[in-house]
Amino acid sequence: DAMKRSVVGIWSCKRCKRTVAGGAWVYATTAAASVRSAVRRLREVKEQ
């Protein structure tokens, strides 16, 4: 996995040089998964 934790809640990707906010100890959180699911569902509804 290319994502490495820089400091608490800040993650950096070695491959694409991207820095993002995430969970304190793991990159993906359950709250983030819920948001991604809701956004995906809303996009599908919008496309119809």
PDB file of N, CA and C in Angstrom:
ATOM      1  N   ASP A   1       0.844  -1.191   0.000  1.00  0.00           N
ATOM      2  CA  ASP A   1       0.000   0.000   0.000  1.00  0.00           C
ATOM      3  C   ASP A   1       0.884   1.247   0.000  1.00  0.00           C
ATOM      4  N   ALA A   2       0.572   2.186  -0.850  1.00  0.00           N
ATOM      5  CA  ALA A   2       1.388   3.386  -0.990  1.00  0.00           C
ATOM      6  C   ALA A   2       1.021   4.462   0.031  1.00  0.00           C
ATOM      7  N   MET A   3      -0.145   4.345   0.675  1.00  0.00           N
ATOM      8  CA  MET A   3      -0.558   5.359   1.646  1.00  0.00           C
ATOM      9  C   MET A   3       0.182   5.150   2.961  1.00  0.00           C
ATOM     10  N   LYS A   4       0.838   6.202   3.405  1.00  0.00           N
ATOM     11  CA  LYS A   4       1.548   6.169   4.682  1.00  0.00           C
ATOM     12  C   LYS A   4       1.079   7.337   5.528  1.00  0.00           C
ATOM     13  N   ARG A   5       0.980   7.114   6.831  1.00  0.00           N
ATOM     14  CA  ARG A   5       0.528   8.166   7.731  1.00  0.00           C
ATOM     15  C   ARG A   5       1.680   9.112   8.019  1.00  0.00           C
ATOM     16  N   SER A   6       1.488  10.406   7.740  1.00  0.00           N
ATOM     17  CA  SER A   6       2.504  11.420   8.031  1.00  0.00           C
ATOM     18  C   SER A   6       2.425  11.811   9.503  1.00  0.00           C
ATOM     19  N   VAL A   7       1.266  12.257   9.912  1.00  0.00           N
ATOM     20  CA  VAL A   7       0.949  12.577  11.309  1.00  0.00           C
ATOM     21  C   VAL A   7      -0.476  12.091  11.542  1.00  0.00           C
ATOM     22  N   VAL A   8      -0.994  12.261  12.748  1.00  0.00           N
ATOM     23  CA  VAL A   8      -2.335  11.772  13.062  1.00  0.00           C
ATOM     24  C   VAL A   8      -3.362  12.398  12.122  1.00  0.00           C
ATOM     25  N   GLY A   9      -4.019  11.566  11.324  1.00  0.00           N
ATOM     26  CA  GLY A   9      -5.079  12.026  10.435  1.00  0.00           C
ATOM     27  C   GLY A   9      -4.631  12.530   9.076  1.00  0.00           C
ATOM     28  N   ILE A  10      -3.331  12.617   8.816  1.00  0.00           N
ATOM     29  CA  ILE A  10      -2.820  13.083   7.527  1.00  0.00           C
ATOM     30  C   ILE A  10      -2.090  11.928   6.852  1.00  0.00           C
ATOM     31  N   TRP A  11      -2.496  11.617   5.621  1.00  0.00           N
ATOM     32  CA  TRP A  11      -1.953  10.493   4.878  1.00  0.00           C
ATOM     33  C   TRP A  11      -1.340  10.970   3.581  1.00  0.00           C
ATOM     34  N   SER A  12      -0.213  10.381   3.198  1.00  0.00           N
ATOM     35  CA  SER A  12       0.475  10.743   1.961  1.00  0.00           C
ATOM     36  C   SER A  12       0.656   9.505   1.093  1.00  0.00           C
ATOM     37  N   CYS A  13       0.456   9.692  -0.213  1.00  0.00           N
ATOM     38  CA  CYS A  13       0.645   8.611  -1.179  1.00  0.00           C
ATOM     39  C   CYS A  13       2.016   8.779  -1.817  1.00  0.00           C
ATOM     40  N   LYS A  14       2.827   7.738  -1.745  1.00  0.00           N
ATOM     41  CA  LYS A  14       4.168   7.802  -2.334  1.00  0.00           C
ATOM     42  C   LYS A  14       4.112   7.801  -3.853  1.00  0.00           C
ATOM     43  N   ARG A  15       3.146   7.064  -4.440  1.00  0.00           N
ATOM     44  CA  ARG A  15       3.058   6.962  -5.898  1.00  0.00           C
ATOM     45  C   ARG A  15       2.639   8.265  -6.557  1.00  0.00           C
ATOM     46  N   CYS A  16       1.535   8.852  -6.104  1.00  0.00           N
ATOM     47  CA  CYS A  16       0.997  10.032  -6.792  1.00  0.00           C
ATOM     48  C   CYS A  16       1.324  11.341  -6.071  1.00  0.00           C
ATOM     49  N   LYS A  17       2.065  11.277  -4.971  1.00  0.00           N
ATOM     50  CA  LYS A  17       2.472  12.469  -4.210  1.00  0.00           C
ATOM     51  C   LYS A  17       1.276  13.268  -3.699  1.00  0.00           C
ATOM     52  N   ARG A  18       0.204  12.581  -3.353  1.00  0.00           N
ATOM     53  CA  ARG A  18      -1.010  13.234  -2.885  1.00  0.00           C
ATOM     54  C   ARG A  18      -1.079  13.165  -1.369  1.00  0.00           C
ATOM     55  N   THR A  19      -1.576  14.218  -0.738  1.00  0.00           N
ATOM     56  CA  THR A  19      -1.756  14.251   0.707  1.00  0.00           C
ATOM     57  C   THR A  19      -3.234  14.455   0.997  1.00  0.00           C
ATOM     58  N   VAL A  20      -3.804  13.597   1.845  1.00  0.00           N
ATOM     59  CA  VAL A  20      -5.232  13.660   2.142  1.00  0.00           C
ATOM     60  C   VAL A  20      -5.468  13.492   3.637  1.00  0.00           C
ATOM     61  N   ALA A  21      -6.661  13.901   4.078  1.00  0.00           N
ATOM     62  CA  ALA A  21      -7.069  13.686   5.464  1.00  0.00           C
ATOM     63  C   ALA A  21      -7.789  12.352   5.548  1.00  0.00           C
ATOM     64  N   GLY A  22      -7.583  11.649   6.630  1.00  0.00           N
ATOM     65  CA  GLY A  22      -8.232  10.358   6.821  1.00  0.00           C
ATOM     66  C   GLY A  22      -8.403  10.088   8.298  1.00  0.00           C
ATOM     67  N   GLY A  23      -8.503   8.836   8.649  1.00  0.00           N
ATOM     68  CA  GLY A  23      -8.646   8.465  10.044  1.00  0.00           C
ATOM     69  C   GLY A  23      -7.325   8.613  10.784  1.00  0.00           C
ATOM     70  N   ALA A  24      -7.393   8.608  12.100  1.00  0.00           N
ATOM     71  CA  ALA A  24      -6.194   8.796  12.915  1.00  0.00           C
ATOM     72  C   ALA A  24      -5.215   7.632  12.774  1.00  0.00           C
ATOM     73  N   TRP A  25      -5.739   6.406  12.793  1.00  0.00           N
ATOM     74  CA  TRP A  25      -4.844   5.253  12.773  1.00  0.00           C
ATOM     75  C   TRP A  25      -4.981   4.407  11.523  1.00  0.00           C
ATOM     76  N   VAL A  26      -6.115   4.473  10.849  1.00  0.00           N
ATOM     77  CA  VAL A  26      -6.317   3.781   9.579  1.00  0.00           C
ATOM     78  C   VAL A  26      -6.830   4.795   8.570  1.00  0.00           C
ATOM     79  N   TYR A  27      -6.458   4.612   7.299  1.00  0.00           N
ATOM     80  CA  TYR A  27      -6.840   5.584   6.269  1.00  0.00           C
ATOM     81  C   TYR A  27      -8.353   5.637   6.069  1.00  0.00           C
ATOM     82  N   ALA A  28      -8.983   4.478   5.924  1.00  0.00           N
ATOM     83  CA  ALA A  28     -10.424   4.422   5.669  1.00  0.00           C
ATOM     84  C   ALA A  28     -11.176   4.245   6.979  1.00  0.00           C
ATOM     85  N   THR A  29     -12.178   5.081   7.198  1.00  0.00           N
ATOM     86  CA  THR A  29     -13.006   4.979   8.395  1.00  0.00           C
ATOM     87  C   THR A  29     -14.410   4.544   8.000  1.00  0.00           C
ATOM     88  N   THR A  30     -15.187   4.090   8.966  1.00  0.00           N
ATOM     89  CA  THR A  30     -16.558   3.676   8.668  1.00  0.00           C
ATOM     90  C   THR A  30     -17.404   4.873   8.245  1.00  0.00           C
ATOM     91  N   ALA A  31     -17.152   6.036   8.823  1.00  0.00           N
ATOM     92  CA  ALA A  31     -17.893   7.240   8.425  1.00  0.00           C
ATOM     93  C   ALA A  31     -17.593   7.597   6.974  1.00  0.00           C
ATOM     94  N   ALA A  32     -16.342   7.488   6.575  1.00  0.00           N
ATOM     95  CA  ALA A  32     -15.968   7.788   5.189  1.00  0.00           C
ATOM     96  C   ALA A  32     -16.620   6.801   4.227  1.00  0.00           C
ATOM     97  N   ALA A  33     -16.715   5.550   4.619  1.00  0.00           N
ATOM     98  CA  ALA A  33     -17.366   4.547   3.772  1.00  0.00           C
ATOM     99  C   ALA A  33     -18.845   4.876   3.597  1.00  0.00           C
ATOM    100  N   SER A  34     -19.489   5.350   4.648  1.00  0.00           N
ATOM    101  CA  SER A  34     -20.901   5.740   4.562  1.00  0.00           C
ATOM    102  C   SER A  34     -21.085   6.917   3.620  1.00  0.00           C
ATOM    103  N   VAL A  35     -20.194   7.886   3.701  1.00  0.00           N
ATOM    104  CA  VAL A  35     -20.273   9.063   2.831  1.00  0.00           C
ATOM    105  C   VAL A  35     -20.054   8.665   1.382  1.00  0.00           C
ATOM    106  N   ARG A  36     -19.054   7.822   1.118  1.00  0.00           N
ATOM    107  CA  ARG A  36     -18.803   7.376  -0.254  1.00  0.00           C
ATOM    108  C   ARG A  36     -20.019   6.648  -0.824  1.00  0.00           C
ATOM    109  N   SER A  37     -20.655   5.827  -0.001  1.00  0.00           N
ATOM    110  CA  SER A  37     -21.843   5.101  -0.438  1.00  0.00           C
ATOM    111  C   SER A  37     -22.982   6.063  -0.772  1.00  0.00           C
ATOM    112  N   ALA A  38     -23.198   7.055   0.075  1.00  0.00           N
ATOM    113  CA  ALA A  38     -24.266   8.031  -0.161  1.00  0.00           C
ATOM    114  C   ALA A  38     -23.994   8.849  -1.419  1.00  0.00           C
ATOM    115  N   VAL A  39     -22.758   9.265  -1.621  1.00  0.00           N
ATOM    116  CA  VAL A  39     -22.400  10.050  -2.806  1.00  0.00           C
ATOM    117  C   VAL A  39     -22.599   9.219  -4.065  1.00  0.00           C
ATOM    118  N   ARG A  40     -22.181   7.964  -4.023  1.00  0.00           N
ATOM    119  CA  ARG A  40     -22.357   7.088  -5.184  1.00  0.00           C
ATOM    120  C   ARG A  40     -23.845   6.921  -5.509  1.00  0.00           C
ATOM    121  N   ARG A  41     -24.663   6.709  -4.481  1.00  0.00           N
ATOM    122  CA  ARG A  41     -26.100   6.537  -4.685  1.00  0.00           C
ATOM    123  C   ARG A  41     -26.723   7.811  -5.271  1.00  0.00           C
ATOM    124  N   LEU A  42     -26.328   8.981  -4.776  1.00  0.00           N
ATOM    125  CA  LEU A  42     -26.857  10.244  -5.296  1.00  0.00           C
ATOM    126  C   LEU A  42     -26.438  10.478  -6.742  1.00  0.00           C
ATOM    127  N   ARG A  43     -25.211  10.105  -7.091  1.00  0.00           N
ATOM    128  CA  ARG A  43     -24.763  10.241  -8.484  1.00  0.00           C
ATOM    129  C   ARG A  43     -25.572   9.348  -9.408  1.00  0.00           C
ATOM    130  N   GLU A  44     -25.870   8.128  -8.957  1.00  0.00           N
ATOM    131  CA  GLU A  44     -26.663   7.210  -9.770  1.00  0.00           C
ATOM    132  C   GLU A  44     -28.070   7.754  -9.990  1.00  0.00           C
ATOM    133  N   VAL A  45     -28.666   8.340  -8.955  1.00  0.00           N
ATOM    134  CA  VAL A  45     -30.003   8.915  -9.076  1.00  0.00           C
ATOM    135  C   VAL A  45     -29.972  10.107 -10.022  1.00  0.00           C
ATOM    136  N   LYS A  46     -28.942  10.913  -9.935  1.00  0.00           N
ATOM    137  CA  LYS A  46     -28.817  12.102 -10.785  1.00  0.00           C
ATOM    138  C   LYS A  46     -28.687  11.719 -12.257  1.00  0.00           C
ATOM    139  N   GLU A  47     -27.989  10.629 -12.555  1.00  0.00           N
ATOM    140  CA  GLU A  47     -27.767  10.197 -13.934  1.00  0.00           C
ATOM    141  C   GLU A  47     -29.025   9.637 -14.583  1.00  0.00           C
ATOM    142  N   GLN A  48     -29.976   9.184 -13.793  1.00  0.00           N
ATOM    143  CA  GLN A  48     -31.193   8.573 -14.353  1.00  0.00           C
ATOM    144  C   GLN A  48     -32.155   9.596 -14.881  1.00  0.00           C
TER     145      GLN A  48
END
